[in-house]
Amino acid sequence: MIGLELASVVFVRNYVQLDFDGPRLTCFVWPTVEIGGAARSLGDSGYRDALCAFISQTVTSVDEAVGTGLVLRFALGAVTIDPTPDEVEGPEIAMLAGFPDEAWDLWRPGENIFADMG
């Protein structure tokens, strides 16, 4: 994902999709958005605007670790997927798909970087 530019943010009822002109990260839990040191979560004033502010921004790094979840970093700030157990409503936390080589990834509670949610 490093080097990809966020092309659109699609809000769909109870989840959000981050589209990178092909590859798409579907977040089945609402990510936290950090810009200029200020973090916003779903329900906070300006949350959707902050998430959309990343459109046209390029992913500069991706961090994955137990205890911090999945973090996409941009020059502007970061988008973090690290839900609490009560925020997970289904069997998946996020899915990344849409690459030309058909590669994909799926994150679930209790597995890999979310092993601490098991």
PDB file of N, CA and C in Angstrom:
ATOM      1  N   MET A   1       0.807  -1.194   0.000  1.00  0.00           N
ATOM      2  CA  MET A   1       0.000   0.000   0.000  1.00  0.00           C
ATOM      3  C   MET A   1       0.856   1.266   0.000  1.00  0.00           C
ATOM      4  N   ILE A   2       2.098   1.110   0.412  1.00  0.00           N
ATOM      5  CA  ILE A   2       2.985   2.267   0.424  1.00  0.00           C
ATOM      6  C   ILE A   2       3.114   2.803  -0.998  1.00  0.00           C
ATOM      7  N   GLY A   3       2.944   4.100  -1.150  1.00  0.00           N
ATOM      8  CA  GLY A   3       3.024   4.745  -2.451  1.00  0.00           C
ATOM      9  C   GLY A   3       1.687   4.887  -3.155  1.00  0.00           C
ATOM     10  N   LEU A   4       0.643   4.254  -2.621  1.00  0.00           N
ATOM     11  CA  LEU A   4      -0.679   4.392  -3.222  1.00  0.00           C
ATOM     12  C   LEU A   4      -1.359   5.660  -2.726  1.00  0.00           C
ATOM     13  N   GLU A   5      -2.134   6.272  -3.604  1.00  0.00           N
ATOM     14  CA  GLU A   5      -2.864   7.502  -3.274  1.00  0.00           C
ATOM     15  C   GLU A   5      -4.326   7.170  -2.981  1.00  0.00           C
ATOM     16  N   LEU A   6      -4.842   7.716  -1.907  1.00  0.00           N
ATOM     17  CA  LEU A   6      -6.254   7.520  -1.578  1.00  0.00           C
ATOM     18  C   LEU A   6      -7.097   8.293  -2.583  1.00  0.00           C
ATOM     19  N   ALA A   7      -7.961   7.566  -3.303  1.00  0.00           N
ATOM     20  CA  ALA A   7      -8.773   8.186  -4.353  1.00  0.00           C
ATOM     21  C   ALA A   7     -10.163   8.552  -3.870  1.00  0.00           C
ATOM     22  N   SER A   8     -10.722   7.749  -2.968  1.00  0.00           N
ATOM     23  CA  SER A   8     -12.063   8.057  -2.476  1.00  0.00           C
ATOM     24  C   SER A   8     -12.301   7.384  -1.133  1.00  0.00           C
ATOM     25  N   VAL A   9     -13.283   7.928  -0.421  1.00  0.00           N
ATOM     26  CA  VAL A   9     -13.764   7.362   0.837  1.00  0.00           C
ATOM     27  C   VAL A   9     -15.253   7.111   0.628  1.00  0.00           C
ATOM     28  N   VAL A  10     -15.658   5.867   0.820  1.00  0.00           N
ATOM     29  CA  VAL A  10     -17.045   5.487   0.582  1.00  0.00           C
ATOM     30  C   VAL A  10     -17.667   5.063   1.912  1.00  0.00           C
ATOM     31  N   PHE A  11     -18.675   5.807   2.345  1.00  0.00           N
ATOM     32  CA  PHE A  11     -19.386   5.488   3.582  1.00  0.00           C
ATOM     33  C   PHE A  11     -20.581   4.607   3.231  1.00  0.00           C
ATOM     34  N   VAL A  12     -20.634   3.410   3.807  1.00  0.00           N
ATOM     35  CA  VAL A  12     -21.700   2.452   3.524  1.00  0.00           C
ATOM     36  C   VAL A  12     -22.313   2.013   4.856  1.00  0.00           C
ATOM     37  N   ARG A  13     -23.464   2.531   5.178  1.00  0.00           N
ATOM     38  CA  ARG A  13     -24.197   2.204   6.403  1.00  0.00           C
ATOM     39  C   ARG A  13     -23.308   2.018   7.625  1.00  0.00           C
ATOM     40  N   ASN A  14     -22.800   0.800   7.832  1.00  0.00           N
ATOM     41  CA  ASN A  14     -22.049   0.546   9.074  1.00  0.00           C
ATOM     42  C   ASN A  14     -20.585   0.180   8.822  1.00  0.00           C
ATOM     43  N   TYR A  15     -20.051   0.595   7.685  1.00  0.00           N
ATOM     44  CA  TYR A  15     -18.618   0.416   7.430  1.00  0.00           C
ATOM     45  C   TYR A  15     -18.156   1.469   6.433  1.00  0.00           C
ATOM     46  N   VAL A  16     -16.859   1.518   6.208  1.00  0.00           N
ATOM     47  CA  VAL A  16     -16.283   2.513   5.305  1.00  0.00           C
ATOM     48  C   VAL A  16     -15.251   1.817   4.410  1.00  0.00           C
ATOM     49  N   GLN A  17     -15.148   2.293   3.172  1.00  0.00           N
ATOM     50  CA  GLN A  17     -14.167   1.766   2.237  1.00  0.00           C
ATOM     51  C   GLN A  17     -13.207   2.879   1.832  1.00  0.00           C
ATOM     52  N   LEU A  18     -11.928   2.562   1.854  1.00  0.00           N
ATOM     53  CA  LEU A  18     -10.890   3.480   1.399  1.00  0.00           C
ATOM     54  C   LEU A  18     -10.382   2.930   0.076  1.00  0.00           C
ATOM     55  N   ASP A  19     -10.619   3.672  -0.997  1.00  0.00           N
ATOM     56  CA  ASP A  19     -10.305   3.215  -2.348  1.00  0.00           C
ATOM     57  C   ASP A  19      -9.014   3.867  -2.823  1.00  0.00           C
ATOM     58  N   PHE A  20      -8.095   3.030  -3.275  1.00  0.00           N
ATOM     59  CA  PHE A  20      -6.796   3.492  -3.754  1.00  0.00           C
ATOM     60  C   PHE A  20      -6.662   3.256  -5.264  1.00  0.00           C
ATOM     61  N   ASP A  21      -7.701   3.630  -6.045  1.00  0.00           N
ATOM     62  CA  ASP A  21      -7.716   3.423  -7.503  1.00  0.00           C
ATOM     63  C   ASP A  21      -7.446   1.969  -7.860  1.00  0.00           C
ATOM     64  N   GLY A  22      -8.204   1.103  -7.306  1.00  0.00           N
ATOM     65  CA  GLY A  22      -8.080  -0.345  -7.555  1.00  0.00           C
ATOM     66  C   GLY A  22      -8.103  -1.069  -6.232  1.00  0.00           C
ATOM     67  N   PRO A  23      -6.976  -1.090  -5.528  1.00  0.00           N
ATOM     68  CA  PRO A  23      -6.999  -1.692  -4.198  1.00  0.00           C
ATOM     69  C   PRO A  23      -7.963  -0.943  -3.283  1.00  0.00           C
ATOM     70  N   ARG A  24      -8.719  -1.701  -2.520  1.00  0.00           N
ATOM     71  CA  ARG A  24      -9.710  -1.108  -1.634  1.00  0.00           C
ATOM     72  C   ARG A  24      -9.598  -1.737  -0.252  1.00  0.00           C
ATOM     73  N   LEU A  25      -9.491  -0.879   0.760  1.00  0.00           N
ATOM     74  CA  LEU A  25      -9.482  -1.321   2.148  1.00  0.00           C
ATOM     75  C   LEU A  25     -10.885  -1.121   2.701  1.00  0.00           C
ATOM     76  N   THR A  26     -11.554  -2.222   2.987  1.00  0.00           N
ATOM     77  CA  THR A  26     -12.883  -2.171   3.577  1.00  0.00           C
ATOM     78  C   THR A  26     -12.724  -2.319   5.077  1.00  0.00           C
ATOM     79  N   CYS A  27     -13.179  -1.311   5.815  1.00  0.00           N
ATOM     80  CA  CYS A  27     -13.059  -1.294   7.278  1.00  0.00           C
ATOM     81  C   CYS A  27     -14.424  -1.619   7.872  1.00  0.00           C
ATOM     82  N   PHE A  28     -14.531  -2.799   8.480  1.00  0.00           N
ATOM     83  CA  PHE A  28     -15.792  -3.216   9.091  1.00  0.00           C
ATOM     84  C   PHE A  28     -15.944  -2.656  10.496  1.00  0.00           C
ATOM     85  N   VAL A  29     -14.914  -1.966  10.963  1.00  0.00           N
ATOM     86  CA  VAL A  29     -14.967  -1.157  12.179  1.00  0.00           C
ATOM     87  C   VAL A  29     -14.489   0.228  11.770  1.00  0.00           C
ATOM     88  N   TRP A  30     -14.940   1.231  12.465  1.00  0.00           N
ATOM     89  CA  TRP A  30     -14.603   2.603  12.079  1.00  0.00           C
ATOM     90  C   TRP A  30     -13.194   2.949  12.531  1.00  0.00           C
ATOM     91  N   PRO A  31     -12.342   3.373  11.601  1.00  0.00           N
ATOM     92  CA  PRO A  31     -10.971   3.734  11.971  1.00  0.00           C
ATOM     93  C   PRO A  31     -10.930   5.050  12.739  1.00  0.00           C
ATOM     94  N   THR A  32      -9.838   5.227  13.440  1.00  0.00           N
ATOM     95  CA  THR A  32      -9.534   6.499  14.092  1.00  0.00           C
ATOM     96  C   THR A  32      -8.714   7.324  13.109  1.00  0.00           C
ATOM     97  N   VAL A  33      -8.958   8.618  13.079  1.00  0.00           N
ATOM     98  CA  VAL A  33      -8.266   9.519  12.162  1.00  0.00           C
ATOM     99  C   VAL A  33      -7.455  10.505  12.990  1.00  0.00           C
ATOM    100  N   GLU A  34      -6.182  10.654  12.650  1.00  0.00           N
ATOM    101  CA  GLU A  34      -5.319  11.589  13.374  1.00  0.00           C
ATOM    102  C   GLU A  34      -4.727  12.584  12.377  1.00  0.00           C
ATOM    103  N   ILE A  35      -4.987  13.854  12.614  1.00  0.00           N
ATOM    104  CA  ILE A  35      -4.424  14.936  11.808  1.00  0.00           C
ATOM    105  C   ILE A  35      -3.912  16.014  12.758  1.00  0.00           C
ATOM    106  N   GLY A  36      -2.662  16.387  12.583  1.00  0.00           N
ATOM    107  CA  GLY A  36      -2.086  17.441  13.417  1.00  0.00           C
ATOM    108  C   GLY A  36      -2.133  17.148  14.904  1.00  0.00           C
ATOM    109  N   GLY A  37      -1.984  15.889  15.267  1.00  0.00           N
ATOM    110  CA  GLY A  37      -1.985  15.509  16.675  1.00  0.00           C
ATOM    111  C   GLY A  37      -3.359  15.341  17.291  1.00  0.00           C
ATOM    112  N   ALA A  38      -4.414  15.685  16.557  1.00  0.00           N
ATOM    113  CA  ALA A  38      -5.783  15.543  17.069  1.00  0.00           C
ATOM    114  C   ALA A  38      -6.400  14.265  16.499  1.00  0.00           C
ATOM    115  N   ALA A  39      -6.861  13.394  17.382  1.00  0.00           N
ATOM    116  CA  ALA A  39      -7.492  12.141  16.966  1.00  0.00           C
ATOM    117  C   ALA A  39      -9.004  12.290  16.992  1.00  0.00           C
ATOM    118  N   ARG A  40      -9.645  11.728  15.972  1.00  0.00           N
ATOM    119  CA  ARG A  40     -11.111  11.751  15.892  1.00  0.00           C
ATOM    120  C   ARG A  40     -11.614  10.337  15.652  1.00  0.00           C
ATOM    121  N   SER A  41     -12.736  10.027  16.299  1.00  0.00           N
ATOM    122  CA  SER A  41     -13.405   8.744  16.121  1.00  0.00           C
ATOM    123  C   SER A  41     -14.811   8.997  15.613  1.00  0.00           C
ATOM    124  N   LEU A  42     -15.446   7.953  15.094  1.00  0.00           N
ATOM    125  CA  LEU A  42     -16.828   8.077  14.627  1.00  0.00           C
ATOM    126  C   LEU A  42     -17.679   8.700  15.724  1.00  0.00           C
ATOM    127  N   GLY A  43     -18.461   9.681  15.354  1.00  0.00           N
ATOM    128  CA  GLY A  43     -19.306  10.396  16.314  1.00  0.00           C
ATOM    129  C   GLY A  43     -18.716  11.737  16.730  1.00  0.00           C
ATOM    130  N   ASP A  44     -17.403  11.889  16.565  1.00  0.00           N
ATOM    131  CA  ASP A  44     -16.761  13.168  16.882  1.00  0.00           C
ATOM    132  C   ASP A  44     -17.054  14.170  15.772  1.00  0.00           C
ATOM    133  N   SER A  45     -17.201  15.410  16.166  1.00  0.00           N
ATOM    134  CA  SER A  45     -17.415  16.480  15.203  1.00  0.00           C
ATOM    135  C   SER A  45     -16.244  16.534  14.225  1.00  0.00           C
ATOM    136  N   GLY A  46     -16.547  16.576  12.941  1.00  0.00           N
ATOM    137  CA  GLY A  46     -15.520  16.673  11.917  1.00  0.00           C
ATOM    138  C   GLY A  46     -14.871  15.358  11.523  1.00  0.00           C
ATOM    139  N   TYR A  47     -15.363  14.231  12.067  1.00  0.00           N
ATOM    140  CA  TYR A  47     -14.752  12.936  11.775  1.00  0.00           C
ATOM    141  C   TYR A  47     -14.760  12.628  10.280  1.00  0.00           C
ATOM    142  N   ARG A  48     -15.910  12.724   9.658  1.00  0.00           N
ATOM    143  CA  ARG A  48     -16.005  12.379   8.233  1.00  0.00           C
ATOM    144  C   ARG A  48     -15.172  13.330   7.370  1.00  0.00           C
ATOM    145  N   ASP A  49     -15.179  14.601   7.702  1.00  0.00           N
ATOM    146  CA  ASP A  49     -14.354  15.555   6.959  1.00  0.00           C
ATOM    147  C   ASP A  49     -12.870  15.228   7.123  1.00  0.00           C
ATOM    148  N   ALA A  50     -12.470  14.844   8.327  1.00  0.00           N
ATOM    149  CA  ALA A  50     -11.068  14.499   8.575  1.00  0.00           C
ATOM    150  C   ALA A  50     -10.670  13.272   7.762  1.00  0.00           C
ATOM    151  N   LEU A  51     -11.537  12.267   7.715  1.00  0.00           N
ATOM    152  CA  LEU A  51     -11.237  11.069   6.933  1.00  0.00           C
ATOM    153  C   LEU A  51     -11.132  11.413   5.447  1.00  0.00           C
ATOM    154  N   CYS A  52     -12.032  12.237   4.961  1.00  0.00           N
ATOM    155  CA  CYS A  52     -12.007  12.647   3.546  1.00  0.00           C
ATOM    156  C   CYS A  52     -10.822  13.549   3.226  1.00  0.00           C
ATOM    157  N   ALA A  53     -10.223  14.183   4.219  1.00  0.00           N
ATOM    158  CA  ALA A  53      -9.057  15.040   3.987  1.00  0.00           C
ATOM    159  C   ALA A  53      -7.867  14.247   3.456  1.00  0.00           C
ATOM    160  N   PHE A  54      -7.885  12.932   3.638  1.00  0.00           N
ATOM    161  CA  PHE A  54      -6.795  12.091   3.144  1.00  0.00           C
ATOM    162  C   PHE A  54      -6.901  11.796   1.647  1.00  0.00           C
ATOM    163  N   ILE A  55      -8.041  12.127   1.028  1.00  0.00           N
ATOM    164  CA  ILE A  55      -8.182  11.929  -0.410  1.00  0.00           C
ATOM    165  C   ILE A  55      -7.093  12.732  -1.125  1.00  0.00           C
ATOM    166  N   SER A  56      -6.421  12.108  -2.054  1.00  0.00           N
ATOM    167  CA  SER A  56      -5.278  12.639  -2.816  1.00  0.00           C
ATOM    168  C   SER A  56      -3.966  12.559  -2.045  1.00  0.00           C
ATOM    169  N   GLN A  57      -3.998  12.013  -0.833  1.00  0.00           N
ATOM    170  CA  GLN A  57      -2.777  11.823  -0.060  1.00  0.00           C
ATOM    171  C   GLN A  57      -2.201  10.439  -0.358  1.00  0.00           C
ATOM    172  N   THR A  58      -0.892  10.324  -0.300  1.00  0.00           N
ATOM    173  CA  THR A  58      -0.198   9.070  -0.581  1.00  0.00           C
ATOM    174  C   THR A  58       0.206   8.384   0.720  1.00  0.00           C
ATOM    175  N   VAL A  59       0.029   7.079   0.762  1.00  0.00           N
ATOM    176  CA  VAL A  59       0.443   6.284   1.928  1.00  0.00           C
ATOM    177  C   VAL A  59       1.962   6.305   1.994  1.00  0.00           C
ATOM    178  N   THR A  60       2.507   6.776   3.116  1.00  0.00           N
ATOM    179  CA  THR A  60       3.961   6.855   3.275  1.00  0.00           C
ATOM    180  C   THR A  60       4.518   5.652   4.028  1.00  0.00           C
ATOM    181  N   SER A  61       3.690   5.043   4.892  1.00  0.00           N
ATOM    182  CA  SER A  61       4.117   3.830   5.593  1.00  0.00           C
ATOM    183  C   SER A  61       2.894   3.116   6.144  1.00  0.00           C
ATOM    184  N   VAL A  62       3.089   1.842   6.426  1.00  0.00           N
ATOM    185  CA  VAL A  62       2.038   1.015   7.019  1.00  0.00           C
ATOM    186  C   VAL A  62       2.664   0.272   8.185  1.00  0.00           C
ATOM    187  N   ASP A  63       2.021   0.349   9.329  1.00  0.00           N
ATOM    188  CA  ASP A  63       2.487  -0.373  10.507  1.00  0.00           C
ATOM    189  C   ASP A  63       1.417  -1.359  10.934  1.00  0.00           C
ATOM    190  N   GLU A  64       1.847  -2.567  11.280  1.00  0.00           N
ATOM    191  CA  GLU A  64       0.949  -3.597  11.782  1.00  0.00           C
ATOM    192  C   GLU A  64       1.598  -4.213  13.010  1.00  0.00           C
ATOM    193  N   ALA A  65       0.892  -4.187  14.139  1.00  0.00           N
ATOM    194  CA  ALA A  65       1.431  -4.788  15.358  1.00  0.00           C
ATOM    195  C   ALA A  65       0.315  -5.065  16.346  1.00  0.00           C
ATOM    196  N   VAL A  66       0.497  -6.130  17.100  1.00  0.00           N
ATOM    197  CA  VAL A  66      -0.439  -6.425  18.181  1.00  0.00           C
ATOM    198  C   VAL A  66      -0.386  -5.258  19.158  1.00  0.00           C
ATOM    199  N   GLY A  67      -1.526  -4.775  19.545  1.00  0.00           N
ATOM    200  CA  GLY A  67      -1.603  -3.654  20.480  1.00  0.00           C
ATOM    201  C   GLY A  67      -1.770  -2.300  19.813  1.00  0.00           C
ATOM    202  N   THR A  68      -1.406  -2.207  18.526  1.00  0.00           N
ATOM    203  CA  THR A  68      -1.603  -0.941  17.803  1.00  0.00           C
ATOM    204  C   THR A  68      -2.453  -1.135  16.557  1.00  0.00           C
ATOM    205  N   GLY A  69      -2.666  -2.373  16.121  1.00  0.00           N
ATOM    206  CA  GLY A  69      -3.518  -2.651  14.975  1.00  0.00           C
ATOM    207  C   GLY A  69      -2.853  -2.304  13.658  1.00  0.00           C
ATOM    208  N   LEU A  70      -3.662  -1.819  12.731  1.00  0.00           N
ATOM    209  CA  LEU A  70      -3.214  -1.464  11.384  1.00  0.00           C
ATOM    210  C   LEU A  70      -3.210   0.055  11.266  1.00  0.00           C
ATOM    211  N   VAL A  71      -2.056   0.615  10.946  1.00  0.00           N
ATOM    212  CA  VAL A  71      -1.907   2.075  10.857  1.00  0.00           C
ATOM    213  C   VAL A  71      -1.404   2.442   9.469  1.00  0.00           C
ATOM    214  N   LEU A  72      -2.207   3.235   8.750  1.00  0.00           N
ATOM    215  CA  LEU A  72      -1.791   3.796   7.463  1.00  0.00           C
ATOM    216  C   LEU A  72      -1.332   5.222   7.722  1.00  0.00           C
ATOM    217  N   ARG A  73      -0.085   5.506   7.377  1.00  0.00           N
ATOM    218  CA  ARG A  73       0.455   6.851   7.611  1.00  0.00           C
ATOM    219  C   ARG A  73       0.549   7.615   6.286  1.00  0.00           C
ATOM    220  N   PHE A  74       0.173   8.877   6.372  1.00  0.00           N
ATOM    221  CA  PHE A  74       0.222   9.813   5.261  1.00  0.00           C
ATOM    222  C   PHE A  74       0.985  11.039   5.758  1.00  0.00           C
ATOM    223  N   ALA A  75       1.424  11.924   4.862  1.00  0.00           N
ATOM    224  CA  ALA A  75       2.084  13.159   5.290  1.00  0.00           C
ATOM    225  C   ALA A  75       1.157  13.974   6.189  1.00  0.00           C
ATOM    226  N   LEU A  76      -0.131  13.901   5.940  1.00  0.00           N
ATOM    227  CA  LEU A  76      -1.128  14.666   6.684  1.00  0.00           C
ATOM    228  C   LEU A  76      -1.380  14.120   8.084  1.00  0.00           C
ATOM    229  N   GLY A  77      -1.215  12.804   8.279  1.00  0.00           N
ATOM    230  CA  GLY A  77      -1.544  12.177   9.562  1.00  0.00           C
ATOM    231  C   GLY A  77      -1.657  10.678   9.397  1.00  0.00           C
ATOM    232  N   ALA A  78      -2.617  10.070  10.107  1.00  0.00           N
ATOM    233  CA  ALA A  78      -2.730   8.612  10.069  1.00  0.00           C
ATOM    234  C   ALA A  78      -4.179   8.162  10.200  1.00  0.00           C
ATOM    235  N   VAL A  79      -4.435   6.996   9.639  1.00  0.00           N
ATOM    236  CA  VAL A  79      -5.717   6.312   9.783  1.00  0.00           C
ATOM    237  C   VAL A  79      -5.397   4.991  10.479  1.00  0.00           C
ATOM    238  N   THR A  80      -6.024   4.756  11.621  1.00  0.00           N
ATOM    239  CA  THR A  80      -5.715   3.580  12.435  1.00  0.00           C
ATOM    240  C   THR A  80      -6.944   2.710  12.627  1.00  0.00           C
ATOM    241  N   ILE A  81      -6.750   1.416  12.427  1.00  0.00           N
ATOM    242  CA  ILE A  81      -7.792   0.430  12.699  1.00  0.00           C
ATOM    243  C   ILE A  81      -7.306  -0.384  13.889  1.00  0.00           C
ATOM    244  N   ASP A  82      -7.854  -0.125  15.035  1.00  0.00           N
ATOM    245  CA  ASP A  82      -7.491  -0.829  16.269  1.00  0.00           C
ATOM    246  C   ASP A  82      -8.714  -0.827  17.190  1.00  0.00           C
ATOM    247  N   PRO A  83      -9.717  -1.635  16.852  1.00  0.00           N
ATOM    248  CA  PRO A  83     -10.984  -1.579  17.588  1.00  0.00           C
ATOM    249  C   PRO A  83     -10.916  -2.215  18.975  1.00  0.00           C
ATOM    250  N   THR A  84     -11.833  -1.781  19.809  1.00  0.00           N
ATOM    251  CA  THR A  84     -12.060  -2.466  21.078  1.00  0.00           C
ATOM    252  C   THR A  84     -13.003  -3.628  20.782  1.00  0.00           C
ATOM    253  N   PRO A  85     -13.052  -4.642  21.633  1.00  0.00           N
ATOM    254  CA  PRO A  85     -13.933  -5.783  21.368  1.00  0.00           C
ATOM    255  C   PRO A  85     -15.398  -5.404  21.129  1.00  0.00           C
ATOM    256  N   ASP A  86     -15.892  -4.381  21.807  1.00  0.00           N
ATOM    257  CA  ASP A  86     -17.296  -3.998  21.629  1.00  0.00           C
ATOM    258  C   ASP A  86     -17.552  -3.265  20.308  1.00  0.00           C
ATOM    259  N   GLU A  87     -16.508  -2.849  19.607  1.00  0.00           N
ATOM    260  CA  GLU A  87     -16.670  -2.196  18.304  1.00  0.00           C
ATOM    261  C   GLU A  87     -16.757  -3.199  17.151  1.00  0.00           C
ATOM    262  N   VAL A  88     -16.392  -4.443  17.398  1.00  0.00           N
ATOM    263  CA  VAL A  88     -16.411  -5.472  16.358  1.00  0.00           C
ATOM    264  C   VAL A  88     -17.792  -6.101  16.333  1.00  0.00           C
ATOM    265  N   GLU A  89     -18.482  -5.935  15.189  1.00  0.00           N
ATOM    266  CA  GLU A  89     -19.851  -6.435  15.068  1.00  0.00           C
ATOM    267  C   GLU A  89     -19.960  -7.707  14.245  1.00  0.00           C
ATOM    268  N   GLY A  90     -18.920  -8.076  13.537  1.00  0.00           N
ATOM    269  CA  GLY A  90     -18.970  -9.251  12.682  1.00  0.00           C
ATOM    270  C   GLY A  90     -17.693 -10.053  12.792  1.00  0.00           C
ATOM    271  N   PRO A  91     -17.511 -11.010  11.894  1.00  0.00           N
ATOM    272  CA  PRO A  91     -16.335 -11.881  11.974  1.00  0.00           C
ATOM    273  C   PRO A  91     -15.041 -11.255  11.442  1.00  0.00           C
ATOM    274  N   GLU A  92     -15.146 -10.124  10.730  1.00  0.00           N
ATOM    275  CA  GLU A  92     -13.952  -9.487  10.177  1.00  0.00           C
ATOM    276  C   GLU A  92     -13.796  -8.052  10.685  1.00  0.00           C
ATOM    277  N   ILE A  93     -12.556  -7.614  10.742  1.00  0.00           N
ATOM    278  CA  ILE A  93     -12.232  -6.241  11.119  1.00  0.00           C
ATOM    279  C   ILE A  93     -11.998  -5.410   9.860  1.00  0.00           C
ATOM    280  N   ALA A  94     -11.248  -5.956   8.918  1.00  0.00           N
ATOM    281  CA  ALA A  94     -10.955  -5.242   7.672  1.00  0.00           C
ATOM    282  C   ALA A  94     -10.538  -6.234   6.592  1.00  0.00           C
ATOM    283  N   MET A  95     -10.677  -5.784   5.338  1.00  0.00           N
ATOM    284  CA  MET A  95     -10.266  -6.598   4.204  1.00  0.00           C
ATOM    285  C   MET A  95      -9.626  -5.677   3.162  1.00  0.00           C
ATOM    286  N   LEU A  96      -8.519  -6.133   2.608  1.00  0.00           N
ATOM    287  CA  LEU A  96      -7.823  -5.401   1.559  1.00  0.00           C
ATOM    288  C   LEU A  96      -7.807  -6.275   0.316  1.00  0.00           C
ATOM    289  N   ALA A  97      -8.360  -5.768  -0.784  1.00  0.00           N
ATOM    290  CA  ALA A  97      -8.425  -6.534  -2.032  1.00  0.00           C
ATOM    291  C   ALA A  97      -8.405  -5.566  -3.205  1.00  0.00           C
ATOM    292  N   GLY A  98      -8.338  -6.127  -4.414  1.00  0.00           N
ATOM    293  CA  GLY A  98      -8.413  -5.312  -5.622  1.00  0.00           C
ATOM    294  C   GLY A  98      -7.089  -5.068  -6.304  1.00  0.00           C
ATOM    295  N   PHE A  99      -6.062  -5.804  -5.925  1.00  0.00           N
ATOM    296  CA  PHE A  99      -4.760  -5.657  -6.586  1.00  0.00           C
ATOM    297  C   PHE A  99      -4.775  -6.402  -7.917  1.00  0.00           C
ATOM    298  N   PRO A 100      -3.996  -5.941  -8.892  1.00  0.00           N
ATOM    299  CA  PRO A 100      -3.968  -6.605 -10.205  1.00  0.00           C
ATOM    300  C   PRO A 100      -3.611  -8.099 -10.118  1.00  0.00           C
ATOM    301  N   ASP A 101      -2.771  -8.473  -9.146  1.00  0.00           N
ATOM    302  CA  ASP A 101      -2.379  -9.881  -9.015  1.00  0.00           C
ATOM    303  C   ASP A 101      -3.381 -10.689  -8.180  1.00  0.00           C
ATOM    304  N   GLU A 102      -4.498 -10.070  -7.848  1.00  0.00           N
ATOM    305  CA  GLU A 102      -5.580 -10.677  -7.069  1.00  0.00           C
ATOM    306  C   GLU A 102      -5.179 -11.013  -5.632  1.00  0.00           C
ATOM    307  N   ALA A 103      -4.073 -10.449  -5.153  1.00  0.00           N
ATOM    308  CA  ALA A 103      -3.679 -10.627  -3.753  1.00  0.00           C
ATOM    309  C   ALA A 103      -4.707  -9.937  -2.867  1.00  0.00           C
ATOM    310  N   TRP A 104      -4.888 -10.459  -1.689  1.00  0.00           N
ATOM    311  CA  TRP A 104      -5.815  -9.860  -0.745  1.00  0.00           C
ATOM    312  C   TRP A 104      -5.399 -10.219   0.670  1.00  0.00           C
ATOM    313  N   ASP A 105      -5.936  -9.510   1.637  1.00  0.00           N
ATOM    314  CA  ASP A 105      -5.658  -9.789   3.041  1.00  0.00           C
ATOM    315  C   ASP A 105      -6.930  -9.553   3.828  1.00  0.00           C
ATOM    316  N   LEU A 106      -7.062 -10.273   4.929  1.00  0.00           N
ATOM    317  CA  LEU A 106      -8.248 -10.194   5.772  1.00  0.00           C
ATOM    318  C   LEU A 106      -7.796 -10.206   7.221  1.00  0.00           C
ATOM    319  N   TRP A 107      -8.334  -9.305   8.019  1.00  0.00           N
ATOM    320  CA  TRP A 107      -8.001  -9.236   9.434  1.00  0.00           C
ATOM    321  C   TRP A 107      -9.226  -9.610  10.256  1.00  0.00           C
ATOM    322  N   ARG A 108      -9.028 -10.522  11.227  1.00  0.00           N
ATOM    323  CA  ARG A 108     -10.107 -10.985  12.097  1.00  0.00           C
ATOM    324  C   ARG A 108      -9.685 -10.863  13.557  1.00  0.00           C
ATOM    325  N   PRO A 109     -10.666 -10.716  14.442  1.00  0.00           N
ATOM    326  CA  PRO A 109     -10.344 -10.709  15.874  1.00  0.00           C
ATOM    327  C   PRO A 109      -9.684 -12.034  16.272  1.00  0.00           C
ATOM    328  N   GLY A 110      -8.664 -11.947  17.102  1.00  0.00           N
ATOM    329  CA  GLY A 110      -7.982 -13.137  17.595  1.00  0.00           C
ATOM    330  C   GLY A 110      -6.897 -13.656  16.686  1.00  0.00           C
ATOM    331  N   GLU A 111      -6.688 -13.021  15.520  1.00  0.00           N
ATOM    332  CA  GLU A 111      -5.672 -13.470  14.570  1.00  0.00           C
ATOM    333  C   GLU A 111      -4.638 -12.376  14.315  1.00  0.00           C
ATOM    334  N   ASN A 112      -3.419 -12.810  14.057  1.00  0.00           N
ATOM    335  CA  ASN A 112      -2.323 -11.928  13.646  1.00  0.00           C
ATOM    336  C   ASN A 112      -2.226 -10.663  14.506  1.00  0.00           C
ATOM    337  N   ILE A 113      -2.342  -9.479  13.889  1.00  0.00           N
ATOM    338  CA  ILE A 113      -2.167  -8.233  14.648  1.00  0.00           C
ATOM    339  C   ILE A 113      -3.308  -7.966  15.621  1.00  0.00           C
ATOM    340  N   PHE A 114      -4.398  -8.706  15.487  1.00  0.00           N
ATOM    341  CA  PHE A 114      -5.516  -8.567  16.419  1.00  0.00           C
ATOM    342  C   PHE A 114      -5.625  -9.784  17.337  1.00  0.00           C
ATOM    343  N   ALA A 115      -4.490 -10.460  17.549  1.00  0.00           N
ATOM    344  CA  ALA A 115      -4.442 -11.646  18.407  1.00  0.00           C
ATOM    345  C   ALA A 115      -4.855 -11.328  19.843  1.00  0.00           C
ATOM    346  N   ASP A 116      -4.647 -10.089  20.265  1.00  0.00           N
ATOM    347  CA  ASP A 116      -5.002  -9.710  21.634  1.00  0.00           C
ATOM    348  C   ASP A 116      -6.513  -9.570  21.826  1.00  0.00           C
ATOM    349  N   MET A 117      -7.288  -9.725  20.768  1.00  0.00           N
ATOM    350  CA  MET A 117      -8.748  -9.627  20.869  1.00  0.00           C
ATOM    351  C   MET A 117      -9.393 -11.009  20.981  1.00  0.00           C
ATOM    352  N   GLY A 118      -8.599 -12.073  21.046  1.00  0.00           N
ATOM    353  CA  GLY A 118      -9.115 -13.439  21.042  1.00  0.00           C
ATOM    354  C   GLY A 118      -9.730 -13.873  22.277  1.00  0.00           C
TER     355      GLY A 118
END
